[in-house]
């Protein structure tokens, strides 16, 4: 099984459908089918939340946060060997 770490730039591109978002879509589809694992760190989630808060307001940022927890992502809050 492949493991990928999702960084803020890639995640924001996915959320905003910017250049390269299709690659994240494919990874999420694979993760949904248990063919791959996508790791995201809570610090990355916070960074993305703050980006949307500044650019689009609290409601949009809150929706992005809620949607994040619905995706097939493995969320880590510690810096583990797996994350590194």
N, C-alpha and C. Protein backbone atom coordinates (compact mmCIF):
# COMPACT_ATOMS: atom_id res chain seq x y z
N UNK A 1 0.84 -1.18 0.00
CA UNK A 1 0.00 0.00 0.00
C UNK A 1 0.88 1.24 0.00
N UNK A 2 0.52 2.20 -0.82
CA UNK A 2 1.25 3.46 -0.88
C UNK A 2 0.77 4.40 0.22
N UNK A 3 1.71 5.22 0.71
CA UNK A 3 1.40 6.22 1.73
C UNK A 3 1.85 7.57 1.20
N UNK A 4 0.97 8.56 1.32
CA UNK A 4 1.27 9.93 0.90
C UNK A 4 0.99 10.88 2.05
N UNK A 5 1.79 11.94 2.11
CA UNK A 5 1.56 13.01 3.09
C UNK A 5 1.03 14.21 2.33
N UNK A 6 -0.11 14.69 2.76
CA UNK A 6 -0.76 15.82 2.11
C UNK A 6 -0.29 17.11 2.77
N UNK A 7 0.34 17.99 1.99
CA UNK A 7 0.78 19.27 2.55
C UNK A 7 -0.27 20.34 2.27
N UNK A 8 -0.09 21.51 2.86
CA UNK A 8 -1.08 22.58 2.77
C UNK A 8 -1.28 23.06 1.34
N UNK A 9 -0.20 23.19 0.58
CA UNK A 9 -0.33 23.68 -0.80
C UNK A 9 -1.18 22.74 -1.65
N UNK A 10 -0.92 21.46 -1.54
CA UNK A 10 -1.69 20.48 -2.31
C UNK A 10 -3.14 20.45 -1.86
N UNK A 11 -3.36 20.54 -0.55
CA UNK A 11 -4.72 20.49 -0.04
C UNK A 11 -5.51 21.73 -0.43
N UNK A 12 -4.89 22.89 -0.37
CA UNK A 12 -5.57 24.13 -0.79
C UNK A 12 -5.88 24.06 -2.28
N UNK A 13 -4.94 23.56 -3.08
CA UNK A 13 -5.19 23.42 -4.52
C UNK A 13 -6.39 22.51 -4.76
N UNK A 14 -6.48 21.43 -4.02
CA UNK A 14 -7.62 20.52 -4.12
C UNK A 14 -8.92 21.24 -3.76
N UNK A 15 -8.92 21.95 -2.66
CA UNK A 15 -10.14 22.62 -2.18
C UNK A 15 -10.60 23.73 -3.12
N UNK A 16 -9.64 24.41 -3.73
CA UNK A 16 -9.96 25.52 -4.63
C UNK A 16 -9.99 25.11 -6.10
N UNK A 17 -9.76 23.83 -6.34
CA UNK A 17 -9.71 23.31 -7.72
C UNK A 17 -8.70 24.07 -8.56
N UNK A 18 -7.54 24.28 -7.97
CA UNK A 18 -6.44 24.95 -8.66
C UNK A 18 -5.61 23.90 -9.40
N UNK A 19 -4.63 24.39 -10.14
CA UNK A 19 -3.76 23.50 -10.92
C UNK A 19 -3.23 22.36 -10.06
N UNK A 20 -3.39 21.16 -10.55
CA UNK A 20 -2.89 19.97 -9.87
C UNK A 20 -3.89 19.32 -8.93
N UNK A 21 -5.08 19.90 -8.76
CA UNK A 21 -6.04 19.34 -7.82
C UNK A 21 -6.47 17.92 -8.21
N UNK A 22 -6.40 17.61 -9.50
CA UNK A 22 -6.82 16.29 -9.96
C UNK A 22 -5.97 15.18 -9.34
N UNK A 23 -4.70 15.46 -9.08
CA UNK A 23 -3.83 14.47 -8.47
C UNK A 23 -4.31 14.12 -7.07
N UNK A 24 -4.76 15.13 -6.33
CA UNK A 24 -5.28 14.89 -4.98
C UNK A 24 -6.60 14.12 -5.06
N UNK A 25 -7.43 14.47 -6.03
CA UNK A 25 -8.69 13.75 -6.23
C UNK A 25 -8.42 12.26 -6.43
N UNK A 26 -7.45 11.94 -7.28
CA UNK A 26 -7.11 10.53 -7.53
C UNK A 26 -6.62 9.83 -6.27
N UNK A 27 -5.80 10.52 -5.49
CA UNK A 27 -5.32 9.92 -4.24
C UNK A 27 -6.46 9.67 -3.27
N UNK A 28 -7.39 10.63 -3.18
CA UNK A 28 -8.53 10.46 -2.28
C UNK A 28 -9.41 9.30 -2.72
N UNK A 29 -9.59 9.14 -4.02
CA UNK A 29 -10.36 8.00 -4.53
C UNK A 29 -9.68 6.69 -4.15
N UNK A 30 -8.36 6.65 -4.27
CA UNK A 30 -7.62 5.44 -3.89
C UNK A 30 -7.71 5.19 -2.39
N UNK A 31 -7.65 6.25 -1.60
CA UNK A 31 -7.77 6.10 -0.15
C UNK A 31 -9.16 5.63 0.23
N UNK A 32 -10.16 6.11 -0.49
CA UNK A 32 -11.54 5.68 -0.26
C UNK A 32 -11.68 4.18 -0.49
N UNK A 33 -10.93 3.65 -1.44
CA UNK A 33 -10.96 2.23 -1.76
C UNK A 33 -9.93 1.43 -0.96
N UNK A 34 -9.29 2.07 0.00
CA UNK A 34 -8.29 1.44 0.88
C UNK A 34 -7.05 0.99 0.12
N UNK A 35 -6.83 1.54 -1.08
CA UNK A 35 -5.66 1.18 -1.88
C UNK A 35 -4.45 2.02 -1.52
N UNK A 36 -4.67 3.11 -0.80
CA UNK A 36 -3.58 4.00 -0.41
C UNK A 36 -3.96 4.69 0.89
N UNK A 37 -2.95 5.24 1.57
CA UNK A 37 -3.18 5.99 2.79
C UNK A 37 -2.69 7.41 2.58
N UNK A 38 -3.51 8.37 2.97
CA UNK A 38 -3.13 9.77 2.90
C UNK A 38 -3.05 10.30 4.33
N UNK A 39 -1.88 10.81 4.67
CA UNK A 39 -1.65 11.37 6.00
C UNK A 39 -1.68 12.89 5.91
N UNK A 40 -2.31 13.51 6.89
CA UNK A 40 -2.28 14.96 7.02
C UNK A 40 -2.06 15.27 8.50
N UNK A 41 -1.27 16.27 8.77
CA UNK A 41 -0.98 16.65 10.15
C UNK A 41 -1.94 17.75 10.59
N UNK A 42 -2.24 17.77 11.88
CA UNK A 42 -3.15 18.79 12.40
C UNK A 42 -2.60 20.20 12.18
N UNK A 43 -1.29 20.36 12.15
CA UNK A 43 -0.71 21.68 11.86
C UNK A 43 -1.02 22.10 10.43
N UNK A 44 -1.05 21.15 9.53
CA UNK A 44 -1.41 21.43 8.14
C UNK A 44 -2.88 21.84 8.06
N UNK A 45 -3.73 21.12 8.78
CA UNK A 45 -5.15 21.47 8.80
C UNK A 45 -5.34 22.88 9.35
N UNK A 46 -4.60 23.23 10.39
CA UNK A 46 -4.68 24.57 10.97
C UNK A 46 -4.22 25.63 9.97
N UNK A 47 -3.17 25.33 9.24
CA UNK A 47 -2.66 26.25 8.23
C UNK A 47 -3.69 26.50 7.13
N UNK A 48 -4.34 25.45 6.68
CA UNK A 48 -5.36 25.56 5.64
C UNK A 48 -6.57 26.32 6.18
N UNK A 49 -6.96 26.01 7.41
CA UNK A 49 -8.08 26.72 8.03
C UNK A 49 -7.81 28.22 8.08
N UNK A 50 -6.62 28.58 8.52
CA UNK A 50 -6.25 30.00 8.62
C UNK A 50 -6.25 30.67 7.25
N UNK A 51 -5.77 29.97 6.24
CA UNK A 51 -5.76 30.50 4.88
C UNK A 51 -7.18 30.82 4.42
N UNK A 52 -8.11 29.90 4.64
CA UNK A 52 -9.49 30.13 4.25
C UNK A 52 -10.17 31.17 5.13
N UNK A 53 -9.82 31.22 6.39
CA UNK A 53 -10.37 32.23 7.29
C UNK A 53 -10.02 33.63 6.79
N UNK A 54 -8.76 33.84 6.44
CA UNK A 54 -8.32 35.14 5.94
C UNK A 54 -8.94 35.48 4.59
N UNK A 55 -8.99 34.52 3.70
CA UNK A 55 -9.43 34.78 2.33
C UNK A 55 -10.95 34.79 2.16
N UNK A 56 -11.64 33.94 2.93
CA UNK A 56 -13.06 33.74 2.66
C UNK A 56 -13.98 33.88 3.87
N UNK A 57 -13.42 34.06 5.04
CA UNK A 57 -14.24 34.23 6.23
C UNK A 57 -14.42 32.97 7.05
N UNK A 58 -14.97 33.16 8.24
CA UNK A 58 -15.10 32.07 9.22
C UNK A 58 -16.02 30.96 8.75
N UNK A 59 -17.14 31.29 8.14
CA UNK A 59 -18.08 30.26 7.71
C UNK A 59 -17.42 29.30 6.71
N UNK A 60 -16.73 29.86 5.72
CA UNK A 60 -16.06 29.01 4.72
C UNK A 60 -14.96 28.18 5.37
N UNK A 61 -14.18 28.80 6.25
CA UNK A 61 -13.11 28.08 6.94
C UNK A 61 -13.68 26.95 7.80
N UNK A 62 -14.78 27.20 8.49
CA UNK A 62 -15.42 26.17 9.30
C UNK A 62 -15.93 25.02 8.43
N UNK A 63 -16.47 25.35 7.25
CA UNK A 63 -16.95 24.31 6.33
C UNK A 63 -15.79 23.47 5.80
N UNK A 64 -14.68 24.13 5.48
CA UNK A 64 -13.49 23.39 5.03
C UNK A 64 -13.03 22.43 6.13
N UNK A 65 -13.01 22.91 7.35
CA UNK A 65 -12.59 22.06 8.48
C UNK A 65 -13.52 20.86 8.64
N UNK A 66 -14.81 21.11 8.60
CA UNK A 66 -15.78 20.02 8.75
C UNK A 66 -15.62 19.01 7.61
N UNK A 67 -15.45 19.50 6.39
CA UNK A 67 -15.28 18.62 5.23
C UNK A 67 -14.00 17.81 5.31
N UNK A 68 -12.96 18.39 5.89
CA UNK A 68 -11.68 17.69 6.04
C UNK A 68 -11.86 16.40 6.83
N UNK A 69 -12.65 16.47 7.90
CA UNK A 69 -12.83 15.29 8.75
C UNK A 69 -13.73 14.23 8.11
N UNK A 70 -14.36 14.55 6.99
CA UNK A 70 -15.18 13.58 6.27
C UNK A 70 -14.38 12.81 5.22
N UNK A 71 -13.20 13.31 4.89
CA UNK A 71 -12.37 12.67 3.88
C UNK A 71 -11.62 11.47 4.45
N UNK A 72 -11.22 10.54 3.60
CA UNK A 72 -10.48 9.36 4.07
C UNK A 72 -9.00 9.69 4.33
N UNK A 73 -8.77 10.58 5.30
CA UNK A 73 -7.42 11.01 5.64
C UNK A 73 -7.05 10.45 7.01
N UNK A 74 -5.80 10.08 7.15
CA UNK A 74 -5.28 9.69 8.46
C UNK A 74 -4.69 10.96 9.07
N UNK A 75 -5.32 11.44 10.13
CA UNK A 75 -4.92 12.71 10.75
C UNK A 75 -4.01 12.43 11.93
N UNK A 76 -2.81 13.02 11.86
CA UNK A 76 -1.83 12.86 12.93
C UNK A 76 -1.64 14.18 13.65
N UNK A 77 -1.44 14.08 14.96
CA UNK A 77 -1.18 15.30 15.73
C UNK A 77 0.24 15.31 16.30
N UNK A 78 0.93 14.22 16.16
CA UNK A 78 2.33 14.13 16.61
C UNK A 78 3.23 13.98 15.39
N UNK A 79 4.48 14.29 15.59
CA UNK A 79 5.46 14.05 14.53
C UNK A 79 6.01 12.64 14.77
N UNK A 80 5.57 11.73 13.95
CA UNK A 80 5.93 10.32 14.09
C UNK A 80 6.87 9.91 12.96
N UNK A 81 7.55 8.79 13.12
CA UNK A 81 8.38 8.29 12.01
C UNK A 81 7.56 8.10 10.74
N UNK A 82 6.30 7.69 10.88
CA UNK A 82 5.44 7.50 9.72
C UNK A 82 5.24 8.82 8.97
N UNK A 83 5.06 9.90 9.70
CA UNK A 83 4.88 11.21 9.08
C UNK A 83 6.18 11.67 8.41
N UNK A 84 7.29 11.49 9.10
CA UNK A 84 8.58 11.92 8.56
C UNK A 84 8.89 11.12 7.30
